[in-house]
Amino acid sequence: MNGLLPTAITQLSGYAGWQQSPYGIPYILGSTVYDRAGRSLGALPWTIRQTVTWSADGRLLCAAVPERATTGAQMRLETARPGEPAKLIASGFMVYSDNATYPVLACDASTDRAIVASFGQGVAPSRLTVFRLSTGAIIRSVDYAGMMGWVAASADGTMLVETLPFDTASQRWSATIRSADDGTTMGRVDGFVAHGFSGDNSLLVGASESIAAVVDWKTGRAVWSTSGTYGGFLAEPAGRRLAVGIGFVGGSDQRDVYLVSADGSAALLPAHVRVALRY
């Protein structure tokens, strides 16, 4: 076994990128879902300009979409299996704006949770809603009122990490880990901008000043770090290993991806290897 699939993925231009499921396959290329052998499983029921999220088990696709692409339209949470029509889960929980994005931060049938956030200008979280995936019932809504720097969720939808400045003068950041269902504080890491969790929810990945790092949030200990601009991650499903990108954003020419283990060891992928990271 060498880890290679018997197919090649060609990067498309514009919005038609590619995105892999948590287990690597199936994967999305443009608006089509493909299996291990590169065979089409069908087209997405949404446009490629909308953010699509894989469920934690890789069987389901989840998206928050407007009823119509005009400001003021009601938002809908929908799911779909590859090649099948979209299924409505909930509607009317947010109002669409054409200068915002609405990513599904988590979608997991095993925990019966889905989390949708709105990001003004695509970068500033303004609102977040936690759903019961099976019924569309709202468990909790949070209005950040522009006070939050970043918010991310665990893949199973049970935890959130909210990052905001704790010292405005020095622009130092603090990441607070909370229960997604009720907002209970579970931990805090100062001096860190958190962008996501490991698959088992024990580690955080993100940035601290001019380094990218993986941190044990219960102790605040840095498990691994390297200099450079944080550029995205992928988490091993239900595990503790992470793929962490350095560069990729802000016009950076750097395109490094490290495979990081929970013991702090890391391997740099060869330069020709491309990974569809989640920021």
C-alpha atoms as a PDB file:
ATOM      1  CA  MET A   1       0.000   0.000   0.000  1.00  0.00           C
ATOM      2  CA  ASN A   2       1.418   3.408  -0.958  1.00  0.00           C
ATOM      3  CA  GLY A   3      -1.562   5.625  -0.164  1.00  0.00           C
ATOM      4  CA  LEU A   4      -2.117   6.633  -3.787  1.00  0.00           C
ATOM      5  CA  LEU A   5      -5.518   6.484  -5.449  1.00  0.00           C
ATOM      6  CA  PRO A   6      -5.741   5.112  -9.010  1.00  0.00           C
ATOM      7  CA  THR A   7      -6.826   8.454 -10.421  1.00  0.00           C
ATOM      8  CA  ALA A   8      -5.586  12.016 -10.877  1.00  0.00           C
ATOM      9  CA  ILE A   9      -7.270  15.221  -9.723  1.00  0.00           C
ATOM     10  CA  THR A  10      -6.917  18.251 -11.960  1.00  0.00           C
ATOM     11  CA  GLN A  11      -7.267  21.623 -10.217  1.00  0.00           C
ATOM     12  CA  LEU A  12      -9.904  23.723 -11.928  1.00  0.00           C
ATOM     13  CA  SER A  13      -9.965  27.507 -12.201  1.00  0.00           C
ATOM     14  CA  GLY A  14     -12.126  30.051 -10.395  1.00  0.00           C
ATOM     15  CA  TYR A  15     -14.475  28.658  -7.762  1.00  0.00           C
ATOM     16  CA  ALA A  16     -14.182  25.097  -9.043  1.00  0.00           C
ATOM     17  CA  GLY A  17     -11.682  23.741  -6.545  1.00  0.00           C
ATOM     18  CA  TRP A  18     -11.611  20.359  -4.849  1.00  0.00           C
ATOM     19  CA  GLN A  19     -12.497  19.168  -1.379  1.00  0.00           C
ATOM     20  CA  GLN A  20     -11.971  15.787   0.195  1.00  0.00           C
ATOM     21  CA  SER A  21     -14.197  14.033   2.721  1.00  0.00           C
ATOM     22  CA  PRO A  22     -12.764  13.381   6.235  1.00  0.00           C
ATOM     23  CA  TYR A  23     -11.443   9.994   5.085  1.00  0.00           C
ATOM     24  CA  GLY A  24     -10.037  11.340   1.818  1.00  0.00           C
ATOM     25  CA  ILE A  25     -12.653   9.662  -0.365  1.00  0.00           C
ATOM     26  CA  PRO A  26     -15.116  10.399  -1.795  1.00  0.00           C
ATOM     27  CA  TYR A  27     -14.061  13.867  -2.908  1.00  0.00           C
ATOM     28  CA  ILE A  28     -15.569  16.886  -4.659  1.00  0.00           C
ATOM     29  CA  LEU A  29     -14.087  18.358  -7.813  1.00  0.00           C
ATOM     30  CA  GLY A  30     -15.930  21.423  -9.054  1.00  0.00           C
ATOM     31  CA  SER A  31     -19.611  20.517  -8.642  1.00  0.00           C
ATOM     32  CA  THR A  32     -19.221  16.724  -8.917  1.00  0.00           C
ATOM     33  CA  VAL A  33     -18.567  14.040  -6.277  1.00  0.00           C
ATOM     34  CA  TYR A  34     -16.178  11.197  -7.194  1.00  0.00           C
ATOM     35  CA  ASP A  35     -15.374   7.813  -5.657  1.00  0.00           C
ATOM     36  CA  ARG A  36     -12.005   6.094  -5.088  1.00  0.00           C
ATOM     37  CA  ALA A  37     -11.668   5.084  -8.727  1.00  0.00           C
ATOM     38  CA  GLY A  38     -12.516   8.553 -10.040  1.00  0.00           C
ATOM     39  CA  ARG A  39     -16.058   7.592 -11.049  1.00  0.00           C
ATOM     40  CA  SER A  40     -18.752  10.240 -10.720  1.00  0.00           C
ATOM     41  CA  LEU A  41     -21.238   9.768  -7.871  1.00  0.00           C
ATOM     42  CA  GLY A  42     -23.343  12.670  -9.121  1.00  0.00           C
ATOM     43  CA  ALA A  43     -23.478  16.450  -8.986  1.00  0.00           C
ATOM     44  CA  LEU A  44     -23.917  18.613  -5.911  1.00  0.00           C
ATOM     45  CA  PRO A  45     -27.456  19.975  -5.478  1.00  0.00           C
ATOM     46  CA  TRP A  46     -25.984  23.413  -4.731  1.00  0.00           C
ATOM     47  CA  THR A  47     -23.879  25.867  -6.738  1.00  0.00           C
ATOM     48  CA  ILE A  48     -20.104  25.640  -6.408  1.00  0.00           C
ATOM     49  CA  ARG A  49     -20.037  29.176  -4.997  1.00  0.00           C
ATOM     50  CA  GLN A  50     -21.682  27.942  -1.787  1.00  0.00           C
ATOM     51  CA  THR A  51     -19.711  26.453   1.077  1.00  0.00           C
ATOM     52  CA  VAL A  52     -20.211  22.697   1.421  1.00  0.00           C
ATOM     53  CA  THR A  53     -19.183  20.687   4.482  1.00  0.00           C
ATOM     54  CA  TRP A  54     -18.777  16.925   4.762  1.00  0.00           C
ATOM     55  CA  SER A  55     -20.379  15.171   7.711  1.00  0.00           C
ATOM     56  CA  ALA A  56     -17.973  13.680  10.239  1.00  0.00           C
ATOM     57  CA  ASP A  57     -18.426  10.186   8.790  1.00  0.00           C
ATOM     58  CA  GLY A  58     -18.027  11.330   5.168  1.00  0.00           C
ATOM     59  CA  ARG A  59     -21.433  10.005   4.107  1.00  0.00           C
ATOM     60  CA  LEU A  60     -23.368  13.257   3.998  1.00  0.00           C
ATOM     61  CA  LEU A  61     -22.917  16.754   2.575  1.00  0.00           C
ATOM     62  CA  CYS A  62     -24.241  19.755   4.491  1.00  0.00           C
ATOM     63  CA  ALA A  63     -24.761  23.359   3.370  1.00  0.00           C
ATOM     64  CA  ALA A  64     -26.440  26.571   4.526  1.00  0.00           C
ATOM     65  CA  VAL A  65     -28.011  28.220   1.480  1.00  0.00           C
ATOM     66  CA  PRO A  66     -30.417  31.112   0.863  1.00  0.00           C
ATOM     67  CA  GLU A  67     -33.921  30.497  -0.458  1.00  0.00           C
ATOM     68  CA  ARG A  68     -32.886  32.815  -3.273  1.00  0.00           C
ATOM     69  CA  ALA A  69     -29.619  34.644  -3.928  1.00  0.00           C
ATOM     70  CA  THR A  70     -30.834  38.088  -2.833  1.00  0.00           C
ATOM     71  CA  THR A  71     -30.075  40.003   0.355  1.00  0.00           C
ATOM     72  CA  GLY A  72     -32.862  39.508   2.902  1.00  0.00           C
ATOM     73  CA  ALA A  73     -33.722  35.950   1.857  1.00  0.00           C
ATOM     74  CA  GLN A  74     -34.169  33.336   4.578  1.00  0.00           C
ATOM     75  CA  MET A  75     -31.348  30.851   5.096  1.00  0.00           C
ATOM     76  CA  ARG A  76     -31.878  27.084   4.860  1.00  0.00           C
ATOM     77  CA  LEU A  77     -29.849  24.229   6.344  1.00  0.00           C
ATOM     78  CA  GLU A  78     -29.834  21.333   3.891  1.00  0.00           C
ATOM     79  CA  THR A  79     -28.147  17.941   3.636  1.00  0.00           C
ATOM     80  CA  ALA A  80     -27.618  15.597   0.702  1.00  0.00           C
ATOM     81  CA  ARG A  81     -25.979  12.286  -0.049  1.00  0.00           C
ATOM     82  CA  PRO A  82     -23.720  12.322  -3.121  1.00  0.00           C
ATOM     83  CA  GLY A  83     -25.838  12.230  -6.258  1.00  0.00           C
ATOM     84  CA  GLU A  84     -29.140  12.770  -4.419  1.00  0.00           C
ATOM     85  CA  PRO A  85     -31.422  15.827  -4.054  1.00  0.00           C
ATOM     86  CA  ALA A  86     -31.021  18.140  -1.073  1.00  0.00           C
ATOM     87  CA  LYS A  87     -33.116  17.554   2.059  1.00  0.00           C
ATOM     88  CA  LEU A  88     -34.362  20.540   4.060  1.00  0.00           C
ATOM     89  CA  ILE A  89     -33.378  20.386   7.739  1.00  0.00           C
ATOM     90  CA  ALA A  90     -34.261  23.897   8.961  1.00  0.00           C
ATOM     91  CA  SER A  91     -35.070  27.354   7.601  1.00  0.00           C
ATOM     92  CA  GLY A  92     -35.513  30.944   8.764  1.00  0.00           C
ATOM     93  CA  PHE A  93     -32.699  30.891  11.327  1.00  0.00           C
ATOM     94  CA  MET A  94     -30.621  33.612   9.610  1.00  0.00           C
ATOM     95  CA  VAL A  95     -31.102  36.238   6.901  1.00  0.00           C
ATOM     96  CA  TYR A  96     -28.901  36.138   3.826  1.00  0.00           C
ATOM     97  CA  SER A  97     -26.506  38.950   2.955  1.00  0.00           C
ATOM     98  CA  ASP A  98     -24.383  38.917  -0.193  1.00  0.00           C
ATOM     99  CA  ASN A  99     -21.315  40.210   1.691  1.00  0.00           C
ATOM    100  CA  ALA A 100     -21.301  37.358   4.232  1.00  0.00           C
ATOM    101  CA  THR A 101     -20.527  33.630   4.209  1.00  0.00           C
ATOM    102  CA  TYR A 102     -22.492  30.899   5.981  1.00  0.00           C
ATOM    103  CA  PRO A 103     -20.285  27.871   6.605  1.00  0.00           C
ATOM    104  CA  VAL A 104     -21.557  24.721   8.286  1.00  0.00           C
ATOM    105  CA  LEU A 105     -18.945  24.335  11.015  1.00  0.00           C
ATOM    106  CA  ALA A 106     -20.051  20.836  12.031  1.00  0.00           C
ATOM    107  CA  CYS A 107     -22.451  18.174  10.770  1.00  0.00           C
ATOM    108  CA  ASP A 108     -22.587  14.801  12.544  1.00  0.00           C
ATOM    109  CA  ALA A 109     -25.464  12.314  12.520  1.00  0.00           C
ATOM    110  CA  SER A 110     -23.902  10.276  15.353  1.00  0.00           C
ATOM    111  CA  THR A 111     -24.204  13.188  17.797  1.00  0.00           C
ATOM    112  CA  ASP A 112     -27.305  14.583  16.034  1.00  0.00           C
ATOM    113  CA  ARG A 113     -25.723  18.011  15.739  1.00  0.00           C
ATOM    114  CA  ALA A 114     -25.115  20.636  13.066  1.00  0.00           C
ATOM    115  CA  ILE A 115     -23.642  24.114  13.577  1.00  0.00           C
ATOM    116  CA  VAL A 116     -24.006  27.029  11.167  1.00  0.00           C
ATOM    117  CA  ALA A 117     -22.219  30.381  11.505  1.00  0.00           C
ATOM    118  CA  SER A 118     -22.386  33.657   9.617  1.00  0.00           C
ATOM    119  CA  PHE A 119     -19.148  35.519   8.910  1.00  0.00           C
ATOM    120  CA  GLY A 120     -19.342  39.154   7.843  1.00  0.00           C
ATOM    121  CA  GLN A 121     -17.055  39.810   4.856  1.00  0.00           C
ATOM    122  CA  GLY A 122     -16.184  36.144   5.220  1.00  0.00           C
ATOM    123  CA  VAL A 123     -13.881  36.708   8.205  1.00  0.00           C
ATOM    124  CA  ALA A 124     -15.740  38.154  11.218  1.00  0.00           C
ATOM    125  CA  PRO A 125     -18.185  35.790  12.970  1.00  0.00           C
ATOM    126  CA  SER A 126     -21.477  37.506  13.773  1.00  0.00           C
ATOM    127  CA  ARG A 127     -23.918  34.729  14.623  1.00  0.00           C
ATOM    128  CA  LEU A 128     -23.948  30.998  15.306  1.00  0.00           C
ATOM    129  CA  THR A 129     -26.743  28.432  15.570  1.00  0.00           C
ATOM    130  CA  VAL A 130     -26.609  24.879  16.946  1.00  0.00           C
ATOM    131  CA  PHE A 131     -29.196  22.446  15.524  1.00  0.00           C
ATOM    132  CA  ARG A 132     -30.480  18.984  16.212  1.00  0.00           C
ATOM    133  CA  LEU A 133     -29.681  17.455  12.833  1.00  0.00           C
ATOM    134  CA  SER A 134     -32.507  14.902  12.842  1.00  0.00           C
ATOM    135  CA  THR A 135     -35.309  17.426  13.400  1.00  0.00           C
ATOM    136  CA  GLY A 136     -33.875  20.869  12.615  1.00  0.00           C
ATOM    137  CA  ALA A 137     -34.722  22.051  16.125  1.00  0.00           C
ATOM    138  CA  ILE A 138     -32.550  24.935  17.352  1.00  0.00           C
ATOM    139  CA  ILE A 139     -30.646  24.021  20.508  1.00  0.00           C
ATOM    140  CA  ARG A 140     -28.824  27.316  20.959  1.00  0.00           C
ATOM    141  CA  SER A 141     -28.143  30.583  19.128  1.00  0.00           C
ATOM    142  CA  VAL A 142     -25.284  32.985  19.833  1.00  0.00           C
ATOM    143  CA  ASP A 143     -25.081  36.609  18.690  1.00  0.00           C
ATOM    144  CA  TYR A 144     -21.442  37.728  18.705  1.00  0.00           C
ATOM    145  CA  ALA A 145     -22.296  41.318  17.759  1.00  0.00           C
ATOM    146  CA  GLY A 146     -18.927  41.796  16.074  1.00  0.00           C
ATOM    147  CA  MET A 147     -16.960  41.084  19.254  1.00  0.00           C
ATOM    148  CA  MET A 148     -15.459  37.755  18.186  1.00  0.00           C
ATOM    149  CA  GLY A 149     -12.247  37.313  16.219  1.00  0.00           C
ATOM    150  CA  TRP A 150     -12.861  33.719  15.099  1.00  0.00           C
ATOM    151  CA  VAL A 151     -15.049  30.740  15.989  1.00  0.00           C
ATOM    152  CA  ALA A 152     -14.625  27.059  15.126  1.00  0.00           C
ATOM    153  CA  ALA A 153     -16.396  23.838  16.081  1.00  0.00           C
ATOM    154  CA  SER A 154     -15.352  20.265  16.712  1.00  0.00           C
ATOM    155  CA  ALA A 155     -16.269  17.856  13.900  1.00  0.00           C
ATOM    156  CA  ASP A 156     -18.889  16.152  16.079  1.00  0.00           C
ATOM    157  CA  GLY A 157     -20.586  19.477  16.890  1.00  0.00           C
ATOM    158  CA  THR A 158     -20.257  19.127  20.644  1.00  0.00           C
ATOM    159  CA  MET A 159     -17.613  21.827  21.265  1.00  0.00           C
ATOM    160  CA  LEU A 160     -16.805  25.374  20.175  1.00  0.00           C
ATOM    161  CA  VAL A 161     -13.649  27.433  20.431  1.00  0.00           C
ATOM    162  CA  GLU A 162     -14.132  31.206  20.423  1.00  0.00           C
ATOM    163  CA  THR A 163     -11.147  33.515  19.933  1.00  0.00           C
ATOM    164  CA  LEU A 164     -11.128  37.209  20.812  1.00  0.00           C
ATOM    165  CA  PRO A 165      -8.575  39.820  21.953  1.00  0.00           C
ATOM    166  CA  PHE A 166      -8.019  39.777  25.721  1.00  0.00           C
ATOM    167  CA  ASP A 167      -5.552  42.668  25.581  1.00  0.00           C
ATOM    168  CA  THR A 168      -6.637  45.263  23.004  1.00  0.00           C
ATOM    169  CA  ALA A 169      -3.445  47.315  23.383  1.00  0.00           C
ATOM    170  CA  SER A 170      -1.100  44.439  22.546  1.00  0.00           C
ATOM    171  CA  GLN A 171      -3.589  42.609  20.286  1.00  0.00           C
ATOM    172  CA  ARG A 172      -3.000  39.359  22.146  1.00  0.00           C
ATOM    173  CA  TRP A 173      -5.693  36.764  21.712  1.00  0.00           C
ATOM    174  CA  SER A 174      -7.429  34.267  23.946  1.00  0.00           C
ATOM    175  CA  ALA A 175      -9.204  31.072  22.844  1.00  0.00           C
ATOM    176  CA  THR A 176     -12.079  29.862  25.030  1.00  0.00           C
ATOM    177  CA  ILE A 177     -13.361  26.298  24.673  1.00  0.00           C
ATOM    178  CA  ARG A 178     -17.094  25.857  25.325  1.00  0.00           C
ATOM    179  CA  SER A 179     -19.840  23.280  25.206  1.00  0.00           C
ATOM    180  CA  ALA A 180     -21.752  23.905  21.982  1.00  0.00           C
ATOM    181  CA  ASP A 181     -25.113  23.008  23.535  1.00  0.00           C
ATOM    182  CA  ASP A 182     -25.105  25.350  26.546  1.00  0.00           C
ATOM    183  CA  GLY A 183     -21.971  27.527  26.314  1.00  0.00           C
ATOM    184  CA  THR A 184     -20.341  26.137  29.456  1.00  0.00           C
ATOM    185  CA  THR A 185     -16.665  27.140  29.618  1.00  0.00           C
ATOM    186  CA  MET A 186     -14.380  24.100  29.476  1.00  0.00           C
ATOM    187  CA  GLY A 187     -10.965  25.714  29.091  1.00  0.00           C
ATOM    188  CA  ARG A 188      -8.939  28.665  27.856  1.00  0.00           C
ATOM    189  CA  VAL A 189      -5.655  29.145  26.006  1.00  0.00           C
ATOM    190  CA  ASP A 190      -4.163  32.649  26.071  1.00  0.00           C
ATOM    191  CA  GLY A 191      -1.995  34.041  23.291  1.00  0.00           C
ATOM    192  CA  PHE A 192      -3.540  31.737  20.682  1.00  0.00           C
ATOM    193  CA  VAL A 193      -5.964  32.056  17.745  1.00  0.00           C
ATOM    194  CA  ALA A 194      -7.688  28.669  17.451  1.00  0.00           C
ATOM    195  CA  HIS A 195      -8.968  27.466  14.068  1.00  0.00           C
ATOM    196  CA  GLY A 196     -10.091  23.933  14.856  1.00  0.00           C
ATOM    197  CA  PHE A 197      -9.929  20.728  16.887  1.00  0.00           C
ATOM    198  CA  SER A 198      -8.272  17.376  16.427  1.00  0.00           C
ATOM    199  CA  GLY A 199     -10.677  14.552  15.619  1.00  0.00           C
ATOM    200  CA  ASP A 200     -10.879  13.423  19.245  1.00  0.00           C
ATOM    201  CA  ASN A 201     -11.349  17.052  20.452  1.00  0.00           C
ATOM    202  CA  SER A 202      -8.267  16.960  22.709  1.00  0.00           C
ATOM    203  CA  LEU A 203      -6.055  19.323  20.676  1.00  0.00           C
ATOM    204  CA  LEU A 204      -6.421  22.741  19.062  1.00  0.00           C
ATOM    205  CA  VAL A 205      -4.717  23.923  15.888  1.00  0.00           C
ATOM    206  CA  GLY A 206      -4.096  27.558  15.001  1.00  0.00           C
ATOM    207  CA  ALA A 207      -1.646  30.430  15.303  1.00  0.00           C
ATOM    208  CA  SER A 208       0.334  32.201  17.998  1.00  0.00           C
ATOM    209  CA  GLU A 209       2.067  35.395  16.857  1.00  0.00           C
ATOM    210  CA  SER A 210       4.302  34.359  13.928  1.00  0.00           C
ATOM    211  CA  ILE A 211       4.023  30.592  14.372  1.00  0.00           C
ATOM    212  CA  ALA A 212       1.522  27.852  13.633  1.00  0.00           C
ATOM    213  CA  ALA A 213       0.919  25.479  16.509  1.00  0.00           C
ATOM    214  CA  VAL A 214      -0.949  22.483  17.883  1.00  0.00           C
ATOM    215  CA  VAL A 215      -1.919  22.905  21.539  1.00  0.00           C
ATOM    216  CA  ASP A 216      -3.314  20.621  24.249  1.00  0.00           C
ATOM    217  CA  TRP A 217      -6.143  22.918  25.396  1.00  0.00           C
ATOM    218  CA  LYS A 218      -6.578  21.241  28.797  1.00  0.00           C
ATOM    219  CA  THR A 219      -2.986  22.052  29.822  1.00  0.00           C
ATOM    220  CA  GLY A 220      -2.122  24.905  27.441  1.00  0.00           C
ATOM    221  CA  ARG A 221       1.003  22.995  26.400  1.00  0.00           C
ATOM    222  CA  ALA A 222       2.223  23.457  22.826  1.00  0.00           C
ATOM    223  CA  VAL A 223       2.500  19.966  21.358  1.00  0.00           C
ATOM    224  CA  TRP A 224       4.085  21.192  18.126  1.00  0.00           C
ATOM    225  CA  SER A 225       4.912  24.515  16.468  1.00  0.00           C
ATOM    226  CA  THR A 226       6.822  25.937  13.538  1.00  0.00           C
ATOM    227  CA  SER A 227       7.530  29.434  12.255  1.00  0.00           C
ATOM    228  CA  GLY A 228       5.398  30.753   9.433  1.00  0.00           C
ATOM    229  CA  THR A 229       1.834  31.808   8.659  1.00  0.00           C
ATOM    230  CA  TYR A 230      -0.886  29.341   9.621  1.00  0.00           C
ATOM    231  CA  GLY A 231      -2.550  28.160   6.394  1.00  0.00           C
ATOM    232  CA  GLY A 232      -5.235  25.608   7.278  1.00  0.00           C
ATOM    233  CA  PHE A 233      -5.615  22.084   8.617  1.00  0.00           C
ATOM    234  CA  LEU A 234      -7.251  18.682   8.287  1.00  0.00           C
ATOM    235  CA  ALA A 235      -7.981  16.434  11.265  1.00  0.00           C
ATOM    236  CA  GLU A 236      -7.709  12.660  11.388  1.00  0.00           C
ATOM    237  CA  PRO A 237     -11.297  11.458  11.994  1.00  0.00           C
ATOM    238  CA  ALA A 238     -11.778  10.621  15.693  1.00  0.00           C
ATOM    239  CA  GLY A 239      -7.977  10.673  16.115  1.00  0.00           C
ATOM    240  CA  ARG A 240      -5.220  12.999  17.335  1.00  0.00           C
ATOM    241  CA  ARG A 241      -3.165  13.521  14.168  1.00  0.00           C
ATOM    242  CA  LEU A 242      -3.461  16.666  12.065  1.00  0.00           C
ATOM    243  CA  ALA A 243      -2.311  17.953   8.704  1.00  0.00           C
ATOM    244  CA  VAL A 244      -1.255  21.592   9.190  1.00  0.00           C
ATOM    245  CA  GLY A 245      -0.546  24.023   6.372  1.00  0.00           C
ATOM    246  CA  ILE A 246       2.042  26.799   6.491  1.00  0.00           C
ATOM    247  CA  GLY A 247       1.604  29.660   4.033  1.00  0.00           C
ATOM    248  CA  PHE A 248      -1.162  29.428   1.396  1.00  0.00           C
ATOM    249  CA  VAL A 249      -2.881  32.686   2.486  1.00  0.00           C
ATOM    250  CA  GLY A 250      -2.212  36.431   2.257  1.00  0.00           C
ATOM    251  CA  GLY A 251      -0.209  36.156  -0.950  1.00  0.00           C
ATOM    252  CA  SER A 252       2.326  33.807   0.629  1.00  0.00           C
ATOM    253  CA  ASP A 253       4.415  31.717  -1.776  1.00  0.00           C
ATOM    254  CA  GLN A 254       4.954  29.100   0.919  1.00  0.00           C
ATOM    255  CA  ARG A 255       2.947  25.874   0.490  1.00  0.00           C
ATOM    256  CA  ASP A 256       4.174  23.501   3.213  1.00  0.00           C
ATOM    257  CA  VAL A 257       2.016  20.812   4.812  1.00  0.00           C
ATOM    258  CA  TYR A 258       3.107  18.964   7.953  1.00  0.00           C
ATOM    259  CA  LEU A 259       1.617  15.736   9.293  1.00  0.00           C
ATOM    260  CA  VAL A 260       1.625  16.294  13.064  1.00  0.00           C
ATOM    261  CA  SER A 261       1.253  13.537  15.673  1.00  0.00           C
ATOM    262  CA  ALA A 262       0.037  13.953  19.247  1.00  0.00           C
ATOM    263  CA  ASP A 263       3.548  13.259  20.570  1.00  0.00           C
ATOM    264  CA  GLY A 264       4.875  16.349  18.773  1.00  0.00           C
ATOM    265  CA  SER A 265       6.612  14.526  15.948  1.00  0.00           C
ATOM    266  CA  ALA A 266       5.921  15.829  12.447  1.00  0.00           C
ATOM    267  CA  ALA A 267       6.691  14.971   8.841  1.00  0.00           C
ATOM    268  CA  LEU A 268       6.850  17.517   6.010  1.00  0.00           C
ATOM    269  CA  LEU A 269       4.994  16.331   2.905  1.00  0.00           C
ATOM    270  CA  PRO A 270       6.884  16.460  -0.409  1.00  0.00           C
ATOM    271  CA  ALA A 271       6.529  19.789  -2.218  1.00  0.00           C
ATOM    272  CA  HIS A 272       4.510  18.310  -5.099  1.00  0.00           C
ATOM    273  CA  VAL A 273       1.788  16.940  -2.781  1.00  0.00           C
ATOM    274  CA  ARG A 274      -1.369  19.082  -2.659  1.00  0.00           C
ATOM    275  CA  VAL A 275      -3.889  18.962   0.186  1.00  0.00           C
ATOM    276  CA  ALA A 276      -7.340  20.574   0.341  1.00  0.00           C
ATOM    277  CA  LEU A 277      -7.041  22.216   3.744  1.00  0.00           C
ATOM    278  CA  ARG A 278      -9.780  23.706   5.894  1.00  0.00           C
ATOM    279  CA  TYR A 279      -8.978  27.148   7.248  1.00  0.00           C
END
